């Protein structure tokens, strides 16, 4: 570690934002100072989209999802994930 970082009390978010934009954290930390962090309970954010599917395809998706007891939108996401090889 380099210099000691003293973080003041902030009156509001704007004051805090100004503080962090004016300092250079490399004056206070080395890359070796950091530890790997894990956040296992965080869920990725989702965004709603619209997609047009033929009725027969949506019907088959819902039938397949019902057969394996999963929500059909989750099944669609799984298929997209497999198709993009994100496993």
N, C-alpha and C. Protein backbone atom coordinates (compact mmCIF):
# COMPACT_ATOMS: atom_id res chain seq x y z
N UNK A 1 0.85 -1.17 0.00
CA UNK A 1 0.00 0.00 0.00
C UNK A 1 0.89 1.23 0.00
N UNK A 2 0.42 2.25 -0.68
CA UNK A 2 1.16 3.51 -0.77
C UNK A 2 0.71 4.43 0.35
N UNK A 3 0.11 5.58 0.02
CA UNK A 3 -0.39 6.52 1.03
C UNK A 3 -1.67 5.99 1.65
N UNK A 4 -1.98 6.47 2.86
CA UNK A 4 -3.23 6.09 3.50
C UNK A 4 -4.35 6.93 2.93
N UNK A 5 -5.42 6.27 2.54
CA UNK A 5 -6.57 6.96 1.98
C UNK A 5 -7.54 7.30 3.10
N UNK A 6 -7.81 8.59 3.25
CA UNK A 6 -8.76 9.07 4.25
C UNK A 6 -10.02 9.50 3.51
N UNK A 7 -11.12 8.81 3.80
CA UNK A 7 -12.38 9.10 3.13
C UNK A 7 -13.23 9.96 4.06
N UNK A 8 -13.55 11.18 3.64
CA UNK A 8 -14.34 12.07 4.50
C UNK A 8 -15.81 11.66 4.55
N UNK A 9 -16.55 12.26 5.46
CA UNK A 9 -18.01 12.09 5.51
C UNK A 9 -18.60 12.98 4.42
N UNK A 10 -19.53 12.44 3.68
CA UNK A 10 -20.13 13.19 2.59
C UNK A 10 -21.54 13.63 2.96
N UNK A 11 -21.89 14.83 2.51
CA UNK A 11 -23.23 15.37 2.77
C UNK A 11 -24.26 14.77 1.81
N UNK A 12 -23.81 14.42 0.60
CA UNK A 12 -24.72 13.88 -0.40
C UNK A 12 -23.91 13.12 -1.46
N UNK A 13 -24.62 12.51 -2.39
CA UNK A 13 -23.96 11.72 -3.42
C UNK A 13 -23.13 12.58 -4.37
N UNK A 14 -23.59 13.80 -4.63
CA UNK A 14 -22.81 14.68 -5.51
C UNK A 14 -21.44 14.98 -4.93
N UNK A 15 -21.40 15.23 -3.63
CA UNK A 15 -20.13 15.52 -2.96
C UNK A 15 -19.22 14.29 -3.01
N UNK A 16 -19.80 13.12 -2.81
CA UNK A 16 -19.01 11.89 -2.87
C UNK A 16 -18.49 11.65 -4.28
N UNK A 17 -19.34 11.87 -5.27
CA UNK A 17 -18.94 11.69 -6.67
C UNK A 17 -17.78 12.62 -7.01
N UNK A 18 -17.85 13.88 -6.56
CA UNK A 18 -16.77 14.83 -6.81
C UNK A 18 -15.46 14.35 -6.19
N UNK A 19 -15.56 13.82 -4.97
CA UNK A 19 -14.36 13.33 -4.28
C UNK A 19 -13.69 12.23 -5.09
N UNK A 20 -14.48 11.23 -5.52
CA UNK A 20 -13.90 10.08 -6.22
C UNK A 20 -13.40 10.44 -7.61
N UNK A 21 -13.98 11.45 -8.25
CA UNK A 21 -13.49 11.82 -9.58
C UNK A 21 -12.20 12.63 -9.50
N UNK A 22 -11.91 13.23 -8.36
CA UNK A 22 -10.72 14.08 -8.24
C UNK A 22 -9.49 13.33 -7.77
N UNK A 23 -9.65 12.14 -7.17
CA UNK A 23 -8.47 11.44 -6.69
C UNK A 23 -8.04 10.37 -7.68
N UNK A 24 -6.78 10.02 -7.62
CA UNK A 24 -6.23 8.93 -8.43
C UNK A 24 -5.94 7.78 -7.48
N UNK A 25 -6.71 6.71 -7.59
CA UNK A 25 -6.55 5.60 -6.64
C UNK A 25 -5.20 4.92 -6.75
N UNK A 26 -4.50 5.12 -7.87
CA UNK A 26 -3.17 4.52 -7.98
C UNK A 26 -2.17 5.19 -7.05
N UNK A 27 -2.52 6.37 -6.50
CA UNK A 27 -1.68 7.00 -5.50
C UNK A 27 -1.79 6.29 -4.16
N UNK A 28 -2.85 5.51 -4.00
CA UNK A 28 -3.14 4.89 -2.71
C UNK A 28 -3.03 3.36 -2.71
N UNK A 29 -3.15 2.75 -3.87
CA UNK A 29 -3.15 1.29 -3.92
C UNK A 29 -2.26 0.77 -5.03
N UNK A 30 -1.67 -0.41 -4.80
CA UNK A 30 -0.95 -1.16 -5.82
C UNK A 30 -1.87 -2.30 -6.27
N UNK A 31 -1.61 -2.84 -7.42
CA UNK A 31 -2.41 -3.96 -7.91
C UNK A 31 -2.35 -5.14 -6.95
N UNK A 32 -1.23 -5.31 -6.26
CA UNK A 32 -1.07 -6.44 -5.32
C UNK A 32 -1.88 -6.26 -4.04
N UNK A 33 -2.39 -5.05 -3.78
CA UNK A 33 -3.18 -4.79 -2.58
C UNK A 33 -4.58 -5.39 -2.65
N UNK A 34 -5.05 -5.66 -3.86
CA UNK A 34 -6.42 -6.10 -4.03
C UNK A 34 -6.55 -7.61 -3.85
N UNK A 35 -7.71 -8.01 -3.35
CA UNK A 35 -8.02 -9.41 -3.18
C UNK A 35 -9.20 -9.76 -4.08
N UNK A 36 -9.22 -10.98 -4.56
CA UNK A 36 -10.31 -11.42 -5.41
C UNK A 36 -11.59 -11.50 -4.58
N UNK A 37 -12.68 -10.99 -5.13
CA UNK A 37 -13.97 -11.01 -4.43
C UNK A 37 -14.94 -11.88 -5.22
N UNK A 38 -15.84 -12.50 -4.50
CA UNK A 38 -16.88 -13.32 -5.12
C UNK A 38 -18.23 -12.89 -4.57
N UNK A 39 -19.20 -12.76 -5.46
CA UNK A 39 -20.55 -12.38 -5.07
C UNK A 39 -21.52 -13.44 -5.60
N UNK A 40 -21.58 -14.60 -4.94
CA UNK A 40 -22.34 -15.72 -5.49
C UNK A 40 -23.85 -15.52 -5.52
N UNK A 41 -24.39 -14.62 -4.73
CA UNK A 41 -25.84 -14.46 -4.67
C UNK A 41 -26.38 -13.39 -5.62
N UNK A 42 -25.49 -12.76 -6.38
CA UNK A 42 -25.95 -11.75 -7.33
C UNK A 42 -26.54 -12.42 -8.56
N UNK A 43 -27.62 -11.88 -9.04
CA UNK A 43 -28.24 -12.40 -10.25
C UNK A 43 -27.95 -11.43 -11.38
N UNK A 44 -27.69 -11.94 -12.57
CA UNK A 44 -27.47 -11.03 -13.69
C UNK A 44 -28.73 -10.24 -13.97
N UNK A 45 -28.55 -9.01 -14.38
CA UNK A 45 -29.71 -8.18 -14.67
C UNK A 45 -30.34 -8.66 -15.98
N UNK A 46 -31.63 -8.48 -16.09
CA UNK A 46 -32.36 -8.89 -17.28
C UNK A 46 -33.03 -7.68 -17.90
N UNK A 47 -33.29 -7.80 -19.18
CA UNK A 47 -34.00 -6.76 -19.90
C UNK A 47 -35.07 -7.45 -20.74
N UNK A 48 -36.26 -6.90 -20.69
CA UNK A 48 -37.35 -7.43 -21.51
C UNK A 48 -37.12 -7.08 -22.96
N UNK A 49 -37.40 -8.04 -23.83
CA UNK A 49 -37.33 -7.78 -25.26
C UNK A 49 -38.61 -8.32 -25.89
N UNK A 50 -38.88 -7.88 -27.09
CA UNK A 50 -40.00 -8.43 -27.86
C UNK A 50 -39.42 -9.22 -29.01
N UNK A 51 -40.00 -10.37 -29.25
CA UNK A 51 -39.56 -11.20 -30.37
C UNK A 51 -40.80 -11.82 -31.00
N UNK A 52 -40.85 -11.80 -32.29
CA UNK A 52 -41.99 -12.40 -33.00
C UNK A 52 -41.62 -13.84 -33.35
N UNK A 53 -42.47 -14.76 -32.93
CA UNK A 53 -42.29 -16.17 -33.23
C UNK A 53 -43.56 -16.69 -33.90
N UNK A 54 -43.39 -17.62 -34.81
CA UNK A 54 -44.59 -18.25 -35.36
C UNK A 54 -45.36 -18.95 -34.24
N UNK A 55 -46.68 -18.95 -34.34
CA UNK A 55 -47.51 -19.53 -33.28
C UNK A 55 -47.15 -20.99 -33.03
N UNK A 56 -46.89 -21.76 -34.11
CA UNK A 56 -46.57 -23.17 -33.91
C UNK A 56 -45.29 -23.35 -33.10
N UNK A 57 -44.31 -22.44 -33.29
CA UNK A 57 -43.05 -22.54 -32.57
C UNK A 57 -43.25 -22.22 -31.09
N UNK A 58 -44.02 -21.19 -30.81
CA UNK A 58 -44.30 -20.85 -29.43
C UNK A 58 -45.08 -21.98 -28.74
N UNK A 59 -46.02 -22.57 -29.47
CA UNK A 59 -46.79 -23.69 -28.91
C UNK A 59 -45.87 -24.86 -28.58
N UNK A 60 -44.97 -25.20 -29.50
CA UNK A 60 -44.01 -26.30 -29.25
C UNK A 60 -43.10 -25.99 -28.07
N UNK A 61 -42.65 -24.73 -27.97
CA UNK A 61 -41.81 -24.34 -26.83
C UNK A 61 -42.56 -24.52 -25.52
N UNK A 62 -43.81 -24.10 -25.48
CA UNK A 62 -44.60 -24.23 -24.26
C UNK A 62 -44.86 -25.70 -23.93
N UNK A 63 -45.11 -26.51 -24.95
CA UNK A 63 -45.30 -27.95 -24.71
C UNK A 63 -44.04 -28.59 -24.15
N UNK A 64 -42.91 -28.27 -24.75
CA UNK A 64 -41.62 -28.82 -24.29
C UNK A 64 -41.33 -28.36 -22.86
N UNK A 65 -41.55 -27.07 -22.58
CA UNK A 65 -41.31 -26.54 -21.23
C UNK A 65 -42.22 -27.23 -20.22
N UNK A 66 -43.47 -27.44 -20.59
CA UNK A 66 -44.41 -28.12 -19.70
C UNK A 66 -43.97 -29.55 -19.43
N UNK A 67 -43.47 -30.22 -20.47
CA UNK A 67 -43.03 -31.61 -20.33
C UNK A 67 -41.85 -31.76 -19.38
N UNK A 68 -40.97 -30.75 -19.37
CA UNK A 68 -39.80 -30.83 -18.48
C UNK A 68 -39.97 -29.96 -17.23
N UNK A 69 -41.18 -29.40 -17.09
CA UNK A 69 -41.55 -28.65 -15.88
C UNK A 69 -40.66 -27.42 -15.60
N UNK A 70 -40.46 -26.61 -16.64
CA UNK A 70 -39.76 -25.34 -16.50
C UNK A 70 -40.59 -24.25 -17.18
N UNK A 71 -40.45 -23.00 -16.75
CA UNK A 71 -41.14 -21.92 -17.46
C UNK A 71 -40.64 -21.82 -18.90
N UNK A 72 -41.55 -21.56 -19.84
CA UNK A 72 -41.15 -21.56 -21.24
C UNK A 72 -40.13 -20.47 -21.56
N UNK A 73 -40.20 -19.32 -20.87
CA UNK A 73 -39.21 -18.27 -21.14
C UNK A 73 -37.82 -18.70 -20.66
N UNK A 74 -37.77 -19.46 -19.58
CA UNK A 74 -36.48 -19.98 -19.12
C UNK A 74 -35.92 -20.98 -20.13
N UNK A 75 -36.80 -21.77 -20.72
CA UNK A 75 -36.37 -22.72 -21.75
C UNK A 75 -35.80 -21.98 -22.95
N UNK A 76 -36.47 -20.91 -23.37
CA UNK A 76 -35.97 -20.11 -24.49
C UNK A 76 -34.59 -19.54 -24.17
N UNK A 77 -34.43 -19.01 -22.96
CA UNK A 77 -33.12 -18.46 -22.56
C UNK A 77 -32.05 -19.55 -22.59
N UNK A 78 -32.41 -20.74 -22.14
CA UNK A 78 -31.46 -21.85 -22.16
C UNK A 78 -31.04 -22.22 -23.58
N UNK A 79 -32.01 -22.24 -24.50
CA UNK A 79 -31.70 -22.55 -25.90
C UNK A 79 -30.79 -21.47 -26.50
N UNK A 80 -31.08 -20.23 -26.22
CA UNK A 80 -30.24 -19.15 -26.73
C UNK A 80 -28.83 -19.28 -26.17
N UNK A 81 -28.74 -19.56 -24.88
CA UNK A 81 -27.45 -19.72 -24.23
C UNK A 81 -26.65 -20.86 -24.88
N UNK A 82 -27.30 -21.99 -25.13
CA UNK A 82 -26.64 -23.11 -25.78
C UNK A 82 -26.19 -22.74 -27.19
N UNK A 83 -27.05 -22.04 -27.92
CA UNK A 83 -26.73 -21.65 -29.28
C UNK A 83 -25.54 -20.71 -29.37
N UNK A 84 -25.36 -19.91 -28.34
CA UNK A 84 -24.23 -18.98 -28.32
C UNK A 84 -23.00 -19.58 -27.63
N UNK A 85 -23.13 -20.81 -27.17
CA UNK A 85 -22.03 -21.54 -26.50
C UNK A 85 -21.52 -20.83 -25.26
N UNK A 86 -22.42 -20.26 -24.42
CA UNK A 86 -22.02 -19.61 -23.18
C UNK A 86 -21.96 -20.60 -22.03
N UNK A 87 -22.51 -21.78 -22.19
CA UNK A 87 -22.57 -22.82 -21.15
C UNK A 87 -22.23 -22.25 -19.84
